[in-house]
Amino acid sequence: MRRIIGLALTLVTTTSPLFAQHSGRSSGLREVRDGGSAGLTLVVAQPLGDFSRTGDVAAGLTGFVVVGLDRTASVGLRIDGSYLVYDSYYRSNGISTASSIGSLAIGPQITLGRGPIRPYGSRRWGARSSGRL
């Protein structure tokens, strides 16, 4: 019986501060608009297929920007871009060439929920290009 009373008192004393966290009173805080998000990634890849004839490794950058179209950015406009260089050839007379691939895409994004982990889905349309510089 002592253990049960001790456990009940422990639960009441440790959980009662949690009830004070949510009271009906206004705290003076205001909601902040979520304007969207952005990201940039360094990429290292291995060229495959026909691309592997000219190089063993590719390096580049990928990035995205999502502009929120509502207060919580649950609906947004996503822009993705990437650029990879997979072959560089330097000649002794100062002439150099580089094989590269780039892409740019745009489309809608729908994000679910709130918090640090938010699943999303998107559809993008765009263009890509590859060639020698």
C-alpha atoms as a PDB file:
ATOM      1  CA  MET A   1       0.000   0.000   0.000  1.00  0.00           C
ATOM      2  CA  ARG A   2       2.874   2.363   0.794  1.00  0.00           C
ATOM      3  CA  ARG A   3       4.338   1.778  -2.656  1.00  0.00           C
ATOM      4  CA  ILE A   4       1.070   2.669  -4.380  1.00  0.00           C
ATOM      5  CA  ILE A   5       0.661   5.872  -2.351  1.00  0.00           C
ATOM      6  CA  GLY A   6       4.308   6.767  -2.961  1.00  0.00           C
ATOM      7  CA  LEU A   7       3.914   6.152  -6.694  1.00  0.00           C
ATOM      8  CA  ALA A   8       0.725   8.240  -6.822  1.00  0.00           C
ATOM      9  CA  LEU A   9       2.394  11.147  -4.984  1.00  0.00           C
ATOM     10  CA  THR A  10       5.412  10.934  -7.287  1.00  0.00           C
ATOM     11  CA  LEU A  11       3.203  11.055 -10.392  1.00  0.00           C
ATOM     12  CA  VAL A  12       1.177  14.001  -9.057  1.00  0.00           C
ATOM     13  CA  THR A  13       4.235  16.046  -8.103  1.00  0.00           C
ATOM     14  CA  THR A  14       6.136  15.375 -11.328  1.00  0.00           C
ATOM     15  CA  THR A  15       3.241  15.823 -13.762  1.00  0.00           C
ATOM     16  CA  SER A  16       1.494  18.809 -12.175  1.00  0.00           C
ATOM     17  CA  PRO A  17       3.999  21.319 -13.676  1.00  0.00           C
ATOM     18  CA  LEU A  18       2.999  20.016 -17.121  1.00  0.00           C
ATOM     19  CA  PHE A  19      -0.594  21.172 -16.585  1.00  0.00           C
ATOM     20  CA  ALA A  20       0.659  24.727 -16.060  1.00  0.00           C
ATOM     21  CA  GLN A  21       2.239  24.709 -19.512  1.00  0.00           C
ATOM     22  CA  HIS A  22      -1.156  24.887 -21.225  1.00  0.00           C
ATOM     23  CA  SER A  23      -3.467  27.375 -19.617  1.00  0.00           C
ATOM     24  CA  GLY A  24      -6.334  29.298 -21.146  1.00  0.00           C
ATOM     25  CA  ARG A  25      -4.478  32.591 -20.757  1.00  0.00           C
ATOM     26  CA  SER A  26      -2.798  34.283 -23.679  1.00  0.00           C
ATOM     27  CA  SER A  27       0.965  34.158 -23.420  1.00  0.00           C
ATOM     28  CA  GLY A  28       1.631  37.193 -25.614  1.00  0.00           C
ATOM     29  CA  LEU A  29       3.223  35.053 -28.319  1.00  0.00           C
ATOM     30  CA  ARG A  30       2.085  35.385 -31.904  1.00  0.00           C
ATOM     31  CA  GLU A  31       2.037  32.911 -34.757  1.00  0.00           C
ATOM     32  CA  VAL A  32       4.937  33.274 -37.143  1.00  0.00           C
ATOM     33  CA  ARG A  33       4.364  32.829 -40.865  1.00  0.00           C
ATOM     34  CA  ASP A  34       6.292  29.964 -42.443  1.00  0.00           C
ATOM     35  CA  GLY A  35       7.666  31.470 -45.657  1.00  0.00           C
ATOM     36  CA  GLY A  36       9.108  28.220 -47.020  1.00  0.00           C
ATOM     37  CA  SER A  37      12.469  26.510 -47.024  1.00  0.00           C
ATOM     38  CA  ALA A  38      15.702  26.168 -48.960  1.00  0.00           C
ATOM     39  CA  GLY A  39      18.615  23.768 -49.152  1.00  0.00           C
ATOM     40  CA  LEU A  40      21.966  23.224 -50.846  1.00  0.00           C
ATOM     41  CA  THR A  41      23.833  19.912 -51.119  1.00  0.00           C
ATOM     42  CA  LEU A  42      27.338  18.989 -52.253  1.00  0.00           C
ATOM     43  CA  VAL A  43      27.124  15.872 -54.449  1.00  0.00           C
ATOM     44  CA  VAL A  44      29.781  13.311 -55.339  1.00  0.00           C
ATOM     45  CA  ALA A  45      28.683  10.592 -57.789  1.00  0.00           C
ATOM     46  CA  GLN A  46      29.994   7.811 -60.008  1.00  0.00           C
ATOM     47  CA  PRO A  47      29.208   8.204 -63.729  1.00  0.00           C
ATOM     48  CA  LEU A  48      27.620   5.091 -65.256  1.00  0.00           C
ATOM     49  CA  GLY A  49      26.956   3.883 -68.793  1.00  0.00           C
ATOM     50  CA  ASP A  50      28.243   6.151 -71.566  1.00  0.00           C
ATOM     51  CA  PHE A  51      29.188   8.823 -69.033  1.00  0.00           C
ATOM     52  CA  SER A  52      31.792   6.530 -67.461  1.00  0.00           C
ATOM     53  CA  ARG A  53      33.893   6.631 -70.655  1.00  0.00           C
ATOM     54  CA  THR A  54      35.023  10.166 -69.883  1.00  0.00           C
ATOM     55  CA  GLY A  55      35.392  10.175 -66.108  1.00  0.00           C
ATOM     56  CA  ASP A  56      35.464   8.145 -62.897  1.00  0.00           C
ATOM     57  CA  VAL A  57      33.896  10.658 -60.524  1.00  0.00           C
ATOM     58  CA  ALA A  58      31.396  13.516 -60.745  1.00  0.00           C
ATOM     59  CA  ALA A  59      31.080  16.446 -58.345  1.00  0.00           C
ATOM     60  CA  GLY A  60      28.594  19.250 -58.132  1.00  0.00           C
ATOM     61  CA  LEU A  61      25.791  21.011 -56.290  1.00  0.00           C
ATOM     62  CA  THR A  62      22.055  20.513 -55.991  1.00  0.00           C
ATOM     63  CA  GLY A  63      19.689  22.984 -54.424  1.00  0.00           C
ATOM     64  CA  PHE A  64      16.043  23.769 -53.882  1.00  0.00           C
ATOM     65  CA  VAL A  65      13.802  26.620 -52.783  1.00  0.00           C
ATOM     66  CA  VAL A  66      10.188  26.280 -51.652  1.00  0.00           C
ATOM     67  CA  VAL A  67       8.139  29.477 -51.483  1.00  0.00           C
ATOM     68  CA  GLY A  68       5.093  29.064 -49.231  1.00  0.00           C
ATOM     69  CA  LEU A  69       1.784  30.081 -50.793  1.00  0.00           C
ATOM     70  CA  ASP A  70      -0.214  30.007 -47.524  1.00  0.00           C
ATOM     71  CA  ARG A  71       0.457  30.884 -43.857  1.00  0.00           C
ATOM     72  CA  THR A  72       1.877  27.493 -42.899  1.00  0.00           C
ATOM     73  CA  ALA A  73       3.615  26.754 -46.240  1.00  0.00           C
ATOM     74  CA  SER A  74       1.581  23.562 -46.606  1.00  0.00           C
ATOM     75  CA  VAL A  75       1.171  24.512 -50.277  1.00  0.00           C
ATOM     76  CA  GLY A  76       4.214  25.923 -52.017  1.00  0.00           C
ATOM     77  CA  LEU A  77       6.071  26.478 -55.251  1.00  0.00           C
ATOM     78  CA  ARG A  78       9.266  24.358 -55.462  1.00  0.00           C
ATOM     79  CA  ILE A  79      12.270  25.167 -57.644  1.00  0.00           C
ATOM     80  CA  ASP A  80      15.036  22.554 -57.964  1.00  0.00           C
ATOM     81  CA  GLY A  81      18.382  22.894 -59.673  1.00  0.00           C
ATOM     82  CA  SER A  82      21.505  20.803 -60.046  1.00  0.00           C
ATOM     83  CA  TYR A  83      24.883  20.974 -61.757  1.00  0.00           C
ATOM     84  CA  LEU A  84      27.458  18.146 -61.984  1.00  0.00           C
ATOM     85  CA  VAL A  85      30.881  18.096 -63.645  1.00  0.00           C
ATOM     86  CA  TYR A  86      31.933  14.537 -64.513  1.00  0.00           C
ATOM     87  CA  ASP A  87      35.022  15.063 -66.665  1.00  0.00           C
ATOM     88  CA  SER A  88      37.710  17.712 -66.788  1.00  0.00           C
ATOM     89  CA  TYR A  89      40.554  17.603 -69.275  1.00  0.00           C
ATOM     90  CA  TYR A  90      43.420  20.088 -69.164  1.00  0.00           C
ATOM     91  CA  ARG A  91      45.839  20.426 -72.055  1.00  0.00           C
ATOM     92  CA  SER A  92      49.327  21.807 -71.840  1.00  0.00           C
ATOM     93  CA  ASN A  93      48.606  24.807 -74.092  1.00  0.00           C
ATOM     94  CA  GLY A  94      46.059  26.318 -71.666  1.00  0.00           C
ATOM     95  CA  ILE A  95      42.936  24.848 -73.233  1.00  0.00           C
ATOM     96  CA  SER A  96      40.605  22.879 -70.968  1.00  0.00           C
ATOM     97  CA  THR A  97      37.269  21.128 -71.380  1.00  0.00           C
ATOM     98  CA  ALA A  98      34.684  19.949 -68.867  1.00  0.00           C
ATOM     99  CA  SER A  99      31.734  17.599 -69.363  1.00  0.00           C
ATOM    100  CA  SER A 100      28.747  18.523 -67.249  1.00  0.00           C
ATOM    101  CA  ILE A 101      25.052  17.927 -66.617  1.00  0.00           C
ATOM    102  CA  GLY A 102      22.633  20.553 -65.335  1.00  0.00           C
ATOM    103  CA  SER A 103      18.919  20.675 -64.603  1.00  0.00           C
ATOM    104  CA  LEU A 104      16.282  23.175 -63.542  1.00  0.00           C
ATOM    105  CA  ALA A 105      12.716  22.246 -62.560  1.00  0.00           C
ATOM    106  CA  ILE A 106       9.668  23.987 -61.069  1.00  0.00           C
ATOM    107  CA  GLY A 107       6.340  22.759 -59.711  1.00  0.00           C
ATOM    108  CA  PRO A 108       3.898  22.603 -56.781  1.00  0.00           C
ATOM    109  CA  GLN A 109       4.649  21.030 -53.402  1.00  0.00           C
ATOM    110  CA  ILE A 110       2.183  19.907 -50.714  1.00  0.00           C
ATOM    111  CA  THR A 111       3.515  19.489 -47.159  1.00  0.00           C
ATOM    112  CA  LEU A 112       1.643  17.656 -44.397  1.00  0.00           C
ATOM    113  CA  GLY A 113       1.667  18.313 -40.658  1.00  0.00           C
ATOM    114  CA  ARG A 114       3.754  20.605 -38.491  1.00  0.00           C
ATOM    115  CA  GLY A 115       6.978  20.176 -36.593  1.00  0.00           C
ATOM    116  CA  PRO A 116      10.558  19.207 -37.427  1.00  0.00           C
ATOM    117  CA  ILE A 117       9.583  16.206 -39.597  1.00  0.00           C
ATOM    118  CA  ARG A 118       7.036  17.007 -42.298  1.00  0.00           C
ATOM    119  CA  PRO A 119       6.297  14.624 -45.188  1.00  0.00           C
ATOM    120  CA  TYR A 120       5.775  16.274 -48.564  1.00  0.00           C
ATOM    121  CA  GLY A 121       4.969  15.443 -52.165  1.00  0.00           C
ATOM    122  CA  SER A 122       5.824  17.427 -55.255  1.00  0.00           C
ATOM    123  CA  ARG A 123       5.565  17.359 -59.026  1.00  0.00           C
ATOM    124  CA  ARG A 124       8.119  19.210 -61.136  1.00  0.00           C
ATOM    125  CA  TRP A 125       8.572  20.043 -64.784  1.00  0.00           C
ATOM    126  CA  GLY A 126      11.812  21.301 -66.220  1.00  0.00           C
ATOM    127  CA  ALA A 127      14.771  20.927 -68.500  1.00  0.00           C
ATOM    128  CA  ARG A 128      18.190  19.342 -68.384  1.00  0.00           C
ATOM    129  CA  SER A 129      21.267  19.783 -70.442  1.00  0.00           C
ATOM    130  CA  SER A 130      24.569  17.987 -70.832  1.00  0.00           C
ATOM    131  CA  GLY A 131      27.604  18.848 -72.847  1.00  0.00           C
ATOM    132  CA  ARG A 132      31.198  19.857 -73.025  1.00  0.00           C
ATOM    133  CA  LEU A 133      32.387  23.313 -72.081  1.00  0.00           C
END
